[in-house]
């Protein structure tokens, strides 16, 4: 009985993992167009405060920070350090970000 429950649990966990991966893949595909929009906007202005970017892109600040953090991990953007809730972070495009725009064109 215990072995059967364990097998059911492992099957359920595997199914949840596959579902998570499928949903995550769609989200990443959606965000690639958004990240290109962010890079293009930064390329015209060199740098910008995160709230201003969010407003121009018509995205929430949270979603904008998520995109910028992803771009920073890939080396396309440099974010100023996070110094707490009152501090406004600045995003700046890097040469790698400009190269990414050129490759997309």
Protein backbone atom coordinates (compact mmCIF):
# COMPACT_ATOMS: atom_id res chain seq x y z
CA UNK A 1 0.00 0.00 0.00
CA UNK A 2 2.79 2.43 0.93
CA UNK A 3 4.70 1.66 -2.28
CA UNK A 4 1.56 2.36 -4.31
CA UNK A 5 1.04 5.73 -2.60
CA UNK A 6 4.67 6.61 -3.19
CA UNK A 7 4.35 5.74 -6.90
CA UNK A 8 1.18 7.88 -7.18
CA UNK A 9 2.89 10.80 -5.44
CA UNK A 10 5.94 10.59 -7.71
CA UNK A 11 3.71 10.47 -10.79
CA UNK A 12 1.80 13.53 -9.58
CA UNK A 13 5.03 15.41 -8.87
CA UNK A 14 6.32 14.55 -12.35
CA UNK A 15 3.09 15.77 -13.94
CA UNK A 16 3.26 19.02 -12.00
CA UNK A 17 6.88 19.47 -13.12
CA UNK A 18 5.91 19.01 -16.77
CA UNK A 19 3.03 21.45 -16.41
CA UNK A 20 5.30 24.00 -14.71
CA UNK A 21 7.86 23.67 -17.49
CA UNK A 22 5.16 24.10 -20.18
CA UNK A 23 3.70 27.21 -18.54
CA UNK A 24 7.17 28.66 -17.91
CA UNK A 25 8.12 28.17 -21.56
CA UNK A 26 5.13 30.15 -22.75
CA UNK A 27 5.90 32.92 -20.30
CA UNK A 28 9.51 33.09 -21.49
CA UNK A 29 8.39 33.29 -25.15
CA UNK A 30 6.07 36.14 -24.24
CA UNK A 31 8.78 37.97 -22.36
CA UNK A 32 11.29 37.83 -25.23
CA UNK A 33 9.26 40.41 -27.14
CA UNK A 34 8.98 42.51 -23.99
CA UNK A 35 12.71 42.31 -23.31
CA UNK A 36 13.41 43.50 -26.84
CA UNK A 37 11.07 46.47 -26.21
CA UNK A 38 13.00 47.26 -23.01
CA UNK A 39 16.34 47.09 -24.80
CA UNK A 40 15.16 49.30 -27.66
CA UNK A 41 13.84 51.90 -25.24
CA UNK A 42 17.08 51.88 -23.27
CA UNK A 43 19.10 52.10 -26.49
CA UNK A 44 17.42 55.40 -27.35
CA UNK A 45 17.82 56.87 -23.85
CA UNK A 46 20.98 55.03 -22.61
CA UNK A 47 19.51 54.70 -19.10
CA UNK A 48 16.23 55.29 -17.28
CA UNK A 49 14.65 54.94 -13.85
CA UNK A 50 12.67 51.72 -13.47
CA UNK A 51 9.31 53.46 -12.76
CA UNK A 52 9.72 55.54 -15.92
CA UNK A 53 10.47 52.42 -17.97
CA UNK A 54 7.42 50.67 -16.50
CA UNK A 55 5.23 53.62 -17.44
CA UNK A 56 6.58 53.87 -21.00
CA UNK A 57 6.25 50.11 -21.53
CA UNK A 58 2.79 50.02 -19.92
CA UNK A 59 3.92 47.26 -17.54
CA UNK A 60 3.79 46.99 -13.77
CA UNK A 61 6.92 47.95 -11.89
CA UNK A 62 7.21 44.36 -10.68
CA UNK A 63 7.08 42.97 -14.23
CA UNK A 64 9.57 45.57 -15.41
CA UNK A 65 12.01 44.69 -12.61
CA UNK A 66 11.59 40.99 -13.47
CA UNK A 67 12.46 41.67 -17.11
CA UNK A 68 15.38 43.90 -16.19
CA UNK A 69 16.75 41.34 -13.72
CA UNK A 70 16.58 38.67 -16.41
CA UNK A 71 18.36 40.99 -18.85
CA UNK A 72 20.99 41.82 -16.23
CA UNK A 73 21.67 38.10 -15.69
CA UNK A 74 22.28 37.82 -19.44
CA UNK A 75 24.56 40.87 -19.41
CA UNK A 76 22.30 43.03 -21.60
CA UNK A 77 21.41 45.55 -18.89
CA UNK A 78 23.11 46.96 -15.81
CA UNK A 79 20.85 47.80 -12.84
CA UNK A 80 21.89 50.16 -10.08
CA UNK A 81 22.06 48.52 -6.65
CA UNK A 82 18.84 48.07 -4.68
CA UNK A 83 19.12 50.30 -1.60
CA UNK A 84 15.62 49.79 -0.22
CA UNK A 85 12.08 50.86 -0.88
CA UNK A 86 12.74 54.61 -1.18
CA UNK A 87 15.61 54.16 -3.65
CA UNK A 88 14.79 54.34 -7.37
CA UNK A 89 16.87 51.91 -9.41
CA UNK A 90 18.34 52.95 -12.75
CA UNK A 91 18.64 50.59 -15.71
CA UNK A 92 21.30 51.10 -18.37
CA UNK A 93 21.87 49.15 -21.57
CA UNK A 94 25.23 47.44 -22.08
CA UNK A 95 27.11 46.65 -25.28
CA UNK A 96 25.75 43.10 -25.07
CA UNK A 97 22.23 44.57 -25.02
CA UNK A 98 22.98 46.67 -28.10
CA UNK A 99 24.35 43.54 -29.80
CA UNK A 100 21.13 41.69 -28.96
CA UNK A 101 19.08 44.43 -30.65
CA UNK A 102 21.31 44.24 -33.73
CA UNK A 103 20.87 40.45 -33.90
CA UNK A 104 17.08 40.78 -33.67
CA UNK A 105 16.96 43.29 -36.55
